[in-house]
């Protein structure tokens, strides 16, 4: 998915860079509403996980391979705006340190792998968790679906940018077929990793998963009779975490 230097012409690359800068600027403002003392460390861990996971490729088909994009995972765990920042930082470091994606194509890569994936995955995840039962398997299933859809959506965005400024002789139909077809398969791997990670975090710290934070049931009070005749069998209230 990482676009190299020269694959998209200069005017489209410059325009994509401007859109990416604007998107990251908006994300910086939005992230201030999502982060607090508890979730800020998770944002750092999420960026580190996406960085490491993107370095690992898994086989797809016909000798091709894919890797985690991470936009859906980051958006669900730490919020859509913070998720955009996490993936954008990862892409910047990869282009500077490992030449994984061209510097002139950084705007293209931020749009396709950060902005588009978060914009597609997070609303879909939220819509699904609102209609599904409130349970960890249901949330994991919603994360699976959101991540699965976000990857071919990213490929569609890349194909659109290629249609505007592609510099090779490959036809747009060929690029679209190759990109979308392969990334549907890559999306399955992305979905499995995202669902497993979200489910794991939900198992230990559900309060840290931004995508379900406002759907968690508030603490309840349960009453239990003491059966003590001396106290008239008065009930005692105990807090219980739902």
C-alpha atoms as a PDB file:
ATOM      1  CA  UNK A   1       0.000   0.000   0.000  1.00  0.00           C
ATOM      2  CA  UNK A   2       2.918   2.376   0.636  1.00  0.00           C
ATOM      3  CA  UNK A   3       3.188   4.559  -2.476  1.00  0.00           C
ATOM      4  CA  UNK A   4       6.811   5.219  -3.505  1.00  0.00           C
ATOM      5  CA  UNK A   5       8.300   8.433  -4.842  1.00  0.00           C
ATOM      6  CA  UNK A   6       7.382   9.171  -8.443  1.00  0.00           C
ATOM      7  CA  UNK A   7       4.397   6.836  -8.638  1.00  0.00           C
ATOM      8  CA  UNK A   8       2.023   9.825  -8.436  1.00  0.00           C
ATOM      9  CA  UNK A   9       2.898  13.030 -10.309  1.00  0.00           C
ATOM     10  CA  UNK A  10       3.969  16.225  -8.577  1.00  0.00           C
ATOM     11  CA  UNK A  11       0.703  18.233  -8.752  1.00  0.00           C
ATOM     12  CA  UNK A  12      -1.381  15.433  -7.255  1.00  0.00           C
ATOM     13  CA  UNK A  13       1.311  14.642  -4.681  1.00  0.00           C
ATOM     14  CA  UNK A  14       1.389  18.308  -3.603  1.00  0.00           C
ATOM     15  CA  UNK A  15      -2.401  18.458  -3.407  1.00  0.00           C
ATOM     16  CA  UNK A  16      -2.461  15.207  -1.437  1.00  0.00           C
ATOM     17  CA  UNK A  17       0.157  16.623   0.905  1.00  0.00           C
ATOM     18  CA  UNK A  18      -2.012  19.687   1.524  1.00  0.00           C
ATOM     19  CA  UNK A  19      -5.052  17.509   2.256  1.00  0.00           C
ATOM     20  CA  UNK A  20      -2.983  15.328   4.581  1.00  0.00           C
ATOM     21  CA  UNK A  21      -1.648  18.351   6.478  1.00  0.00           C
ATOM     22  CA  UNK A  22      -5.190  19.692   6.875  1.00  0.00           C
ATOM     23  CA  UNK A  23      -6.424  16.292   8.048  1.00  0.00           C
ATOM     24  CA  UNK A  24      -3.629  15.906  10.570  1.00  0.00           C
ATOM     25  CA  UNK A  25      -4.265  19.452  11.783  1.00  0.00           C
ATOM     26  CA  UNK A  26      -7.909  18.618  12.425  1.00  0.00           C
ATOM     27  CA  UNK A  27      -6.841  15.397  14.113  1.00  0.00           C
ATOM     28  CA  UNK A  28      -4.558  17.329  16.465  1.00  0.00           C
ATOM     29  CA  UNK A  29      -7.512  19.421  17.600  1.00  0.00           C
ATOM     30  CA  UNK A  30      -9.835  16.442  17.866  1.00  0.00           C
ATOM     31  CA  UNK A  31      -7.325  14.365  19.796  1.00  0.00           C
ATOM     32  CA  UNK A  32      -7.326  16.877  22.647  1.00  0.00           C
ATOM     33  CA  UNK A  33     -10.953  15.846  23.334  1.00  0.00           C
ATOM     34  CA  UNK A  34     -10.153  12.135  23.210  1.00  0.00           C
ATOM     35  CA  UNK A  35      -6.986  11.889  25.269  1.00  0.00           C
ATOM     36  CA  UNK A  36      -6.624  12.083  29.021  1.00  0.00           C
ATOM     37  CA  UNK A  37      -4.114  10.883  31.575  1.00  0.00           C
ATOM     38  CA  UNK A  38      -5.299   7.266  31.236  1.00  0.00           C
ATOM     39  CA  UNK A  39      -5.571   7.016  27.466  1.00  0.00           C
ATOM     40  CA  UNK A  40      -2.489   8.979  26.397  1.00  0.00           C
ATOM     41  CA  UNK A  41      -0.149   6.049  27.215  1.00  0.00           C
ATOM     42  CA  UNK A  42      -2.425   3.711  25.231  1.00  0.00           C
ATOM     43  CA  UNK A  43      -2.093   6.009  22.204  1.00  0.00           C
ATOM     44  CA  UNK A  44       1.685   5.625  22.379  1.00  0.00           C
ATOM     45  CA  UNK A  45       1.397   1.862  22.719  1.00  0.00           C
ATOM     46  CA  UNK A  46      -1.034   1.723  19.800  1.00  0.00           C
ATOM     47  CA  UNK A  47       1.334   3.668  17.538  1.00  0.00           C
ATOM     48  CA  UNK A  48       4.211   1.393  18.547  1.00  0.00           C
ATOM     49  CA  UNK A  49       2.106  -1.717  17.873  1.00  0.00           C
ATOM     50  CA  UNK A  50       1.016  -0.458  14.432  1.00  0.00           C
ATOM     51  CA  UNK A  51       4.619   0.456  13.609  1.00  0.00           C
ATOM     52  CA  UNK A  52       5.839  -3.036  14.503  1.00  0.00           C
ATOM     53  CA  UNK A  53       2.916  -4.825  12.867  1.00  0.00           C
ATOM     54  CA  UNK A  54       3.372  -2.943   9.596  1.00  0.00           C
ATOM     55  CA  UNK A  55       6.912  -4.296   9.394  1.00  0.00           C
ATOM     56  CA  UNK A  56       5.571  -7.866   9.337  1.00  0.00           C
ATOM     57  CA  UNK A  57       4.123  -9.094   6.056  1.00  0.00           C
ATOM     58  CA  UNK A  58       1.789 -12.068   5.727  1.00  0.00           C
ATOM     59  CA  UNK A  59       1.211 -14.052   2.510  1.00  0.00           C
ATOM     60  CA  UNK A  60      -1.927 -13.211   0.555  1.00  0.00           C
ATOM     61  CA  UNK A  61      -2.096 -14.908  -2.840  1.00  0.00           C
ATOM     62  CA  UNK A  62      -0.029 -15.523  -5.990  1.00  0.00           C
ATOM     63  CA  UNK A  63       3.205 -14.525  -4.301  1.00  0.00           C
ATOM     64  CA  UNK A  64       1.888 -11.236  -2.945  1.00  0.00           C
ATOM     65  CA  UNK A  65       1.920 -10.242   0.691  1.00  0.00           C
ATOM     66  CA  UNK A  66       0.232  -7.702   2.885  1.00  0.00           C
ATOM     67  CA  UNK A  67       0.556  -6.082   6.262  1.00  0.00           C
ATOM     68  CA  UNK A  68      -1.597  -4.374   8.847  1.00  0.00           C
ATOM     69  CA  UNK A  69      -2.642  -0.825   7.925  1.00  0.00           C
ATOM     70  CA  UNK A  70      -3.748  -0.133  11.485  1.00  0.00           C
ATOM     71  CA  UNK A  71      -6.201   2.689  10.886  1.00  0.00           C
ATOM     72  CA  UNK A  72      -9.241   0.760  12.081  1.00  0.00           C
ATOM     73  CA  UNK A  73      -7.433  -0.674  15.099  1.00  0.00           C
ATOM     74  CA  UNK A  74      -6.079   2.699  16.203  1.00  0.00           C
ATOM     75  CA  UNK A  75      -9.415   4.480  15.719  1.00  0.00           C
ATOM     76  CA  UNK A  76     -11.328   1.893  17.766  1.00  0.00           C
ATOM     77  CA  UNK A  77      -8.785   1.773  20.596  1.00  0.00           C
ATOM     78  CA  UNK A  78      -7.941   5.451  21.057  1.00  0.00           C
ATOM     79  CA  UNK A  79     -10.524   7.367  19.015  1.00  0.00           C
ATOM     80  CA  UNK A  80     -10.701   8.387  15.342  1.00  0.00           C
ATOM     81  CA  UNK A  81      -8.722  11.621  15.662  1.00  0.00           C
ATOM     82  CA  UNK A  82      -5.997  10.123  17.801  1.00  0.00           C
ATOM     83  CA  UNK A  83      -5.988   7.083  15.546  1.00  0.00           C
ATOM     84  CA  UNK A  84      -5.258   9.299  12.546  1.00  0.00           C
ATOM     85  CA  UNK A  85      -2.309  10.820  14.406  1.00  0.00           C
ATOM     86  CA  UNK A  86      -0.955   7.410  15.436  1.00  0.00           C
ATOM     87  CA  UNK A  87      -0.898   6.046  11.884  1.00  0.00           C
ATOM     88  CA  UNK A  88       0.386   9.324  10.398  1.00  0.00           C
ATOM     89  CA  UNK A  89       3.334   9.303  12.802  1.00  0.00           C
ATOM     90  CA  UNK A  90       4.048   5.674  11.906  1.00  0.00           C
ATOM     91  CA  UNK A  91       4.039   6.502   8.179  1.00  0.00           C
ATOM     92  CA  UNK A  92       6.347   9.473   8.705  1.00  0.00           C
ATOM     93  CA  UNK A  93       8.862   7.396  10.662  1.00  0.00           C
ATOM     94  CA  UNK A  94       8.736   4.560   8.144  1.00  0.00           C
ATOM     95  CA  UNK A  95       9.432   6.899   5.245  1.00  0.00           C
ATOM     96  CA  UNK A  96      12.302   8.630   7.072  1.00  0.00           C
ATOM     97  CA  UNK A  97      13.974   5.600   8.657  1.00  0.00           C
ATOM     98  CA  UNK A  98      13.206   2.720   6.302  1.00  0.00           C
ATOM     99  CA  UNK A  99      12.286   4.377   2.978  1.00  0.00           C
ATOM    100  CA  UNK A 100       8.995   2.505   3.274  1.00  0.00           C
ATOM    101  CA  UNK A 101       6.889   4.873   1.197  1.00  0.00           C
ATOM    102  CA  UNK A 102       8.319   7.939  -0.511  1.00  0.00           C
ATOM    103  CA  UNK A 103       8.633  11.293   1.196  1.00  0.00           C
ATOM    104  CA  UNK A 104       6.972  13.022  -1.770  1.00  0.00           C
ATOM    105  CA  UNK A 105       4.206  10.426  -1.545  1.00  0.00           C
ATOM    106  CA  UNK A 106       3.734  10.862   2.202  1.00  0.00           C
ATOM    107  CA  UNK A 107       0.551  12.865   1.660  1.00  0.00           C
ATOM    108  CA  UNK A 108      -0.868  10.092  -0.514  1.00  0.00           C
ATOM    109  CA  UNK A 109       0.003   7.478   2.087  1.00  0.00           C
ATOM    110  CA  UNK A 110      -1.460   9.491   4.967  1.00  0.00           C
ATOM    111  CA  UNK A 111      -4.714   9.927   3.041  1.00  0.00           C
ATOM    112  CA  UNK A 112      -5.073   6.291   2.055  1.00  0.00           C
ATOM    113  CA  UNK A 113      -3.789   4.519   5.182  1.00  0.00           C
ATOM    114  CA  UNK A 114      -4.646   6.973   7.945  1.00  0.00           C
ATOM    115  CA  UNK A 115      -7.482   9.350   7.033  1.00  0.00           C
ATOM    116  CA  UNK A 116      -9.555   6.986   4.889  1.00  0.00           C
ATOM    117  CA  UNK A 117      -9.224   3.928   7.118  1.00  0.00           C
ATOM    118  CA  UNK A 118     -10.195   5.845  10.252  1.00  0.00           C
ATOM    119  CA  UNK A 119     -13.034   7.678   8.483  1.00  0.00           C
ATOM    120  CA  UNK A 120     -14.491   4.410   7.179  1.00  0.00           C
ATOM    121  CA  UNK A 121     -13.812   2.042  10.056  1.00  0.00           C
ATOM    122  CA  UNK A 122     -14.806   4.085  13.104  1.00  0.00           C
ATOM    123  CA  UNK A 123     -18.363   5.084  12.034  1.00  0.00           C
ATOM    124  CA  UNK A 124     -19.005   1.531  10.888  1.00  0.00           C
ATOM    125  CA  UNK A 125     -17.737   0.093  14.171  1.00  0.00           C
ATOM    126  CA  UNK A 126     -19.883   2.495  16.174  1.00  0.00           C
ATOM    127  CA  UNK A 127     -22.972   1.691  14.125  1.00  0.00           C
ATOM    128  CA  UNK A 128     -22.459  -2.035  14.621  1.00  0.00           C
ATOM    129  CA  UNK A 129     -21.821  -1.953  18.369  1.00  0.00           C
ATOM    130  CA  UNK A 130     -24.976   0.111  18.842  1.00  0.00           C
ATOM    131  CA  UNK A 131     -27.174  -2.566  17.262  1.00  0.00           C
ATOM    132  CA  UNK A 132     -25.306  -5.672  18.424  1.00  0.00           C
ATOM    133  CA  UNK A 133     -25.565  -7.124  21.936  1.00  0.00           C
ATOM    134  CA  UNK A 134     -23.318  -5.463  24.507  1.00  0.00           C
ATOM    135  CA  UNK A 135     -20.683  -8.142  24.783  1.00  0.00           C
ATOM    136  CA  UNK A 136     -17.006  -8.637  24.054  1.00  0.00           C
ATOM    137  CA  UNK A 137     -17.563 -11.111  21.180  1.00  0.00           C
ATOM    138  CA  UNK A 138     -19.997  -8.692  19.538  1.00  0.00           C
ATOM    139  CA  UNK A 139     -17.516  -5.830  19.822  1.00  0.00           C
ATOM    140  CA  UNK A 140     -14.788  -8.038  18.377  1.00  0.00           C
ATOM    141  CA  UNK A 141     -17.099  -8.929  15.490  1.00  0.00           C
ATOM    142  CA  UNK A 142     -17.800  -5.251  14.867  1.00  0.00           C
ATOM    143  CA  UNK A 143     -14.071  -4.542  14.878  1.00  0.00           C
ATOM    144  CA  UNK A 144     -13.560  -7.387  12.393  1.00  0.00           C
ATOM    145  CA  UNK A 145     -16.157  -5.957   9.987  1.00  0.00           C
ATOM    146  CA  UNK A 146     -14.897  -2.378  10.304  1.00  0.00           C
ATOM    147  CA  UNK A 147     -11.298  -3.370   9.629  1.00  0.00           C
ATOM    148  CA  UNK A 148     -12.301  -5.648   6.751  1.00  0.00           C
ATOM    149  CA  UNK A 149     -14.118  -2.808   4.969  1.00  0.00           C
ATOM    150  CA  UNK A 150     -11.471  -0.168   5.687  1.00  0.00           C
ATOM    151  CA  UNK A 151      -8.693  -1.873   3.712  1.00  0.00           C
ATOM    152  CA  UNK A 152     -10.390  -2.086   0.270  1.00  0.00           C
ATOM    153  CA  UNK A 153     -11.725   1.439   0.921  1.00  0.00           C
ATOM    154  CA  UNK A 154      -8.108   2.530   1.257  1.00  0.00           C
ATOM    155  CA  UNK A 155      -7.315   0.752  -2.014  1.00  0.00           C
ATOM    156  CA  UNK A 156     -10.197   2.582  -3.724  1.00  0.00           C
ATOM    157  CA  UNK A 157      -8.826   5.913  -2.484  1.00  0.00           C
ATOM    158  CA  UNK A 158      -5.366   5.051  -3.796  1.00  0.00           C
ATOM    159  CA  UNK A 159      -6.858   4.069  -7.167  1.00  0.00           C
ATOM    160  CA  UNK A 160      -8.653   7.423  -7.354  1.00  0.00           C
ATOM    161  CA  UNK A 161      -5.403   9.278  -6.689  1.00  0.00           C
ATOM    162  CA  UNK A 162      -3.655   7.145  -9.293  1.00  0.00           C
ATOM    163  CA  UNK A 163      -6.391   8.002 -11.801  1.00  0.00           C
ATOM    164  CA  UNK A 164      -5.650  11.681 -11.195  1.00  0.00           C
ATOM    165  CA  UNK A 165      -1.873  11.569 -11.262  1.00  0.00           C
ATOM    166  CA  UNK A 166      -0.496   8.116 -11.966  1.00  0.00           C
ATOM    167  CA  UNK A 167       2.831   8.199 -13.822  1.00  0.00           C
ATOM    168  CA  UNK A 168       3.023   4.631 -15.142  1.00  0.00           C
ATOM    169  CA  UNK A 169       1.607   3.139 -18.320  1.00  0.00           C
ATOM    170  CA  UNK A 170      -0.579   0.710 -16.393  1.00  0.00           C
ATOM    171  CA  UNK A 171      -4.271   1.287 -17.110  1.00  0.00           C
ATOM    172  CA  UNK A 172      -6.571   2.469 -14.377  1.00  0.00           C
ATOM    173  CA  UNK A 173      -8.654  -0.691 -14.772  1.00  0.00           C
ATOM    174  CA  UNK A 174      -5.639  -2.890 -14.163  1.00  0.00           C
ATOM    175  CA  UNK A 175      -4.579  -0.850 -11.144  1.00  0.00           C
ATOM    176  CA  UNK A 176      -8.100  -0.912  -9.712  1.00  0.00           C
ATOM    177  CA  UNK A 177      -8.462  -4.659 -10.185  1.00  0.00           C
ATOM    178  CA  UNK A 178      -5.080  -5.432  -8.659  1.00  0.00           C
ATOM    179  CA  UNK A 179      -5.350  -3.013  -5.750  1.00  0.00           C
ATOM    180  CA  UNK A 180      -8.917  -3.719  -4.721  1.00  0.00           C
ATOM    181  CA  UNK A 181      -8.733  -7.464  -5.342  1.00  0.00           C
ATOM    182  CA  UNK A 182      -5.560  -7.984  -3.337  1.00  0.00           C
ATOM    183  CA  UNK A 183      -6.626  -5.643  -0.570  1.00  0.00           C
ATOM    184  CA  UNK A 184      -9.892  -7.475  -0.038  1.00  0.00           C
ATOM    185  CA  UNK A 185      -7.721 -10.448   0.907  1.00  0.00           C
ATOM    186  CA  UNK A 186      -5.359  -8.282   2.950  1.00  0.00           C
ATOM    187  CA  UNK A 187      -8.448  -6.946   4.719  1.00  0.00           C
ATOM    188  CA  UNK A 188      -9.148 -10.403   6.110  1.00  0.00           C
ATOM    189  CA  UNK A 189      -5.754 -10.440   7.811  1.00  0.00           C
ATOM    190  CA  UNK A 190      -6.297  -6.866   8.995  1.00  0.00           C
ATOM    191  CA  UNK A 191      -9.693  -7.839  10.376  1.00  0.00           C
ATOM    192  CA  UNK A 192      -8.343 -10.846  12.275  1.00  0.00           C
ATOM    193  CA  UNK A 193      -5.540  -8.836  13.881  1.00  0.00           C
ATOM    194  CA  UNK A 194      -7.862  -5.952  14.742  1.00  0.00           C
ATOM    195  CA  UNK A 195     -10.564  -8.160  16.240  1.00  0.00           C
ATOM    196  CA  UNK A 196      -8.061 -10.154  18.303  1.00  0.00           C
ATOM    197  CA  UNK A 197      -6.365  -7.020  19.626  1.00  0.00           C
ATOM    198  CA  UNK A 198      -9.598  -5.200  20.474  1.00  0.00           C
ATOM    199  CA  UNK A 199     -10.970  -8.328  22.165  1.00  0.00           C
ATOM    200  CA  UNK A 200      -7.781  -8.709  24.212  1.00  0.00           C
ATOM    201  CA  UNK A 201      -7.867  -5.124  25.451  1.00  0.00           C
ATOM    202  CA  UNK A 202     -11.582  -5.423  26.233  1.00  0.00           C
ATOM    203  CA  UNK A 203     -10.862  -8.496  28.332  1.00  0.00           C
ATOM    204  CA  UNK A 204      -8.507  -6.674  30.688  1.00  0.00           C
ATOM    205  CA  UNK A 205      -9.312  -2.954  30.442  1.00  0.00           C
ATOM    206  CA  UNK A 206     -12.629  -2.298  28.687  1.00  0.00           C
ATOM    207  CA  UNK A 207     -12.613   1.256  30.006  1.00  0.00           C
ATOM    208  CA  UNK A 208      -9.653   2.059  27.748  1.00  0.00           C
ATOM    209  CA  UNK A 209     -11.345   1.116  24.460  1.00  0.00           C
ATOM    210  CA  UNK A 210     -12.603   4.425  23.111  1.00  0.00           C
ATOM    211  CA  UNK A 211     -15.039   2.914  20.639  1.00  0.00           C
ATOM    212  CA  UNK A 212     -17.212   1.324  23.344  1.00  0.00           C
ATOM    213  CA  UNK A 213     -16.545   3.708  26.199  1.00  0.00           C
ATOM    214  CA  UNK A 214     -19.993   5.291  26.290  1.00  0.00           C
ATOM    215  CA  UNK A 215     -21.753   1.964  25.729  1.00  0.00           C
ATOM    216  CA  UNK A 216     -20.513   0.333  28.917  1.00  0.00           C
ATOM    217  CA  UNK A 217     -23.153  -0.082  31.577  1.00  0.00           C
ATOM    218  CA  UNK A 218     -22.649   2.091  34.657  1.00  0.00           C
ATOM    219  CA  UNK A 219     -21.890   0.426  38.000  1.00  0.00           C
ATOM    220  CA  UNK A 220     -24.955  -1.048  39.698  1.00  0.00           C
ATOM    221  CA  UNK A 221     -25.830  -1.478  43.326  1.00  0.00           C
ATOM    222  CA  UNK A 222     -26.858  -4.949  44.430  1.00  0.00           C
ATOM    223  CA  UNK A 223     -28.533  -5.575  47.729  1.00  0.00           C
ATOM    224  CA  UNK A 224     -28.015  -8.615  49.880  1.00  0.00           C
ATOM    225  CA  UNK A 225     -29.958  -9.412  53.013  1.00  0.00           C
ATOM    226  CA  UNK A 226     -27.781  -9.945  56.090  1.00  0.00           C
ATOM    227  CA  UNK A 227     -30.303 -12.213  57.827  1.00  0.00           C
ATOM    228  CA  UNK A 228     -29.261 -10.707  61.169  1.00  0.00           C
ATOM    229  CA  UNK A 229     -32.257 -10.698  63.490  1.00  0.00           C
ATOM    230  CA  UNK A 230     -30.529  -8.136  65.701  1.00  0.00           C
ATOM    231  CA  UNK A 231     -30.524  -5.646  62.928  1.00  0.00           C
ATOM    232  CA  UNK A 232     -33.941  -6.538  61.717  1.00  0.00           C
ATOM    233  CA  UNK A 233     -32.603  -8.204  58.569  1.00  0.00           C
ATOM    234  CA  UNK A 234     -31.565  -4.878  57.057  1.00  0.00           C
ATOM    235  CA  UNK A 235     -30.162  -5.050  53.535  1.00  0.00           C
ATOM    236  CA  UNK A 236     -26.592  -3.984  52.775  1.00  0.00           C
ATOM    237  CA  UNK A 237     -25.735  -2.320  49.475  1.00  0.00           C
ATOM    238  CA  UNK A 238     -22.543  -3.383  47.667  1.00  0.00           C
ATOM    239  CA  UNK A 239     -21.128  -1.817  44.517  1.00  0.00           C
ATOM    240  CA  UNK A 240     -20.757  -4.135  41.560  1.00  0.00           C
ATOM    241  CA  UNK A 241     -18.964  -3.335  38.277  1.00  0.00           C
ATOM    242  CA  UNK A 242     -21.154  -4.219  35.315  1.00  0.00           C
END
